[in-house]
């Protein structure tokens, strides 16, 4: 899944933040890779998913 975030200012500046959330393996437990050029955005997305879905969170 790819999410593209835009603010009013970023639209004027033609800038966006992109966040990719991809399944790493089709096995249990579900493992996701969360990637963004904006490390803060990737961290916030990972923390949100961890908080809402549980499981383990590793950053690396």
C-alpha atoms as a PDB file:
ATOM      1  CA  UNK A   1       0.000   0.000   0.000  1.00  0.00           C
ATOM      2  CA  UNK A   2       1.309   3.451  -0.830  1.00  0.00           C
ATOM      3  CA  UNK A   3       0.033   6.566   0.899  1.00  0.00           C
ATOM      4  CA  UNK A   4       0.889  10.018  -0.443  1.00  0.00           C
ATOM      5  CA  UNK A   5       0.422  12.914   1.947  1.00  0.00           C
ATOM      6  CA  UNK A   6      -0.059  16.475   0.762  1.00  0.00           C
ATOM      7  CA  UNK A   7      -0.685  19.691   2.623  1.00  0.00           C
ATOM      8  CA  UNK A   8      -1.867  22.957   1.108  1.00  0.00           C
ATOM      9  CA  UNK A   9       1.716  24.256   1.282  1.00  0.00           C
ATOM     10  CA  UNK A  10       3.203  21.080  -0.177  1.00  0.00           C
ATOM     11  CA  UNK A  11       0.792  21.252  -3.136  1.00  0.00           C
ATOM     12  CA  UNK A  12       1.976  24.791  -3.878  1.00  0.00           C
ATOM     13  CA  UNK A  13       5.604  23.655  -3.574  1.00  0.00           C
ATOM     14  CA  UNK A  14       4.859  20.454  -5.541  1.00  0.00           C
ATOM     15  CA  UNK A  15       6.150  18.348  -2.624  1.00  0.00           C
ATOM     16  CA  UNK A  16       4.630  15.224  -1.115  1.00  0.00           C
ATOM     17  CA  UNK A  17       5.501  12.684   1.558  1.00  0.00           C
ATOM     18  CA  UNK A  18       5.212   9.059   0.469  1.00  0.00           C
ATOM     19  CA  UNK A  19       4.775   6.108   2.813  1.00  0.00           C
ATOM     20  CA  UNK A  20       4.968   2.481   1.645  1.00  0.00           C
ATOM     21  CA  UNK A  21       3.590  -0.368   3.762  1.00  0.00           C
ATOM     22  CA  UNK A  22       4.316  -3.775   2.252  1.00  0.00           C
ATOM     23  CA  UNK A  23       3.862  -7.340   3.434  1.00  0.00           C
ATOM     24  CA  UNK A  24       7.291  -8.985   3.717  1.00  0.00           C
ATOM     25  CA  UNK A  25       6.164 -12.640   3.768  1.00  0.00           C
ATOM     26  CA  UNK A  26       2.900 -14.488   3.251  1.00  0.00           C
ATOM     27  CA  UNK A  27       3.217 -16.392   6.502  1.00  0.00           C
ATOM     28  CA  UNK A  28       2.250 -16.095  10.153  1.00  0.00           C
ATOM     29  CA  UNK A  29       2.980 -13.853  11.891  1.00  0.00           C
ATOM     30  CA  UNK A  30       2.276 -11.000   9.517  1.00  0.00           C
ATOM     31  CA  UNK A  31       5.449  -8.974   8.913  1.00  0.00           C
ATOM     32  CA  UNK A  32       5.242  -5.511   7.353  1.00  0.00           C
ATOM     33  CA  UNK A  33       7.955  -3.246   5.968  1.00  0.00           C
ATOM     34  CA  UNK A  34       7.207   0.448   6.477  1.00  0.00           C
ATOM     35  CA  UNK A  35       9.355   2.728   4.333  1.00  0.00           C
ATOM     36  CA  UNK A  36       9.483   6.477   3.713  1.00  0.00           C
ATOM     37  CA  UNK A  37      12.122   9.021   2.782  1.00  0.00           C
ATOM     38  CA  UNK A  38      10.779  10.887   5.814  1.00  0.00           C
ATOM     39  CA  UNK A  39      12.011   8.837   8.815  1.00  0.00           C
ATOM     40  CA  UNK A  40       9.645  10.610  11.216  1.00  0.00           C
ATOM     41  CA  UNK A  41       6.642   9.683   9.070  1.00  0.00           C
ATOM     42  CA  UNK A  42       7.746   6.029   8.890  1.00  0.00           C
ATOM     43  CA  UNK A  43       8.259   5.908  12.663  1.00  0.00           C
ATOM     44  CA  UNK A  44       4.845   7.445  13.367  1.00  0.00           C
ATOM     45  CA  UNK A  45       3.129   4.988  11.000  1.00  0.00           C
ATOM     46  CA  UNK A  46       4.948   2.025  12.582  1.00  0.00           C
ATOM     47  CA  UNK A  47       4.067   3.185  16.090  1.00  0.00           C
ATOM     48  CA  UNK A  48       0.414   3.657  15.094  1.00  0.00           C
ATOM     49  CA  UNK A  49       0.156   0.172  13.597  1.00  0.00           C
ATOM     50  CA  UNK A  50       1.920  -1.311  16.623  1.00  0.00           C
ATOM     51  CA  UNK A  51      -0.393   0.494  19.035  1.00  0.00           C
ATOM     52  CA  UNK A  52      -3.564  -0.479  17.142  1.00  0.00           C
ATOM     53  CA  UNK A  53      -2.663  -4.018  16.025  1.00  0.00           C
ATOM     54  CA  UNK A  54      -0.146  -5.144  18.638  1.00  0.00           C
ATOM     55  CA  UNK A  55       2.733  -7.464  17.924  1.00  0.00           C
ATOM     56  CA  UNK A  56       6.410  -6.606  17.894  1.00  0.00           C
ATOM     57  CA  UNK A  57       8.032  -3.485  16.521  1.00  0.00           C
ATOM     58  CA  UNK A  58      11.626  -3.448  15.351  1.00  0.00           C
ATOM     59  CA  UNK A  59      13.306  -0.496  13.755  1.00  0.00           C
ATOM     60  CA  UNK A  60      16.320  -1.010  11.578  1.00  0.00           C
END
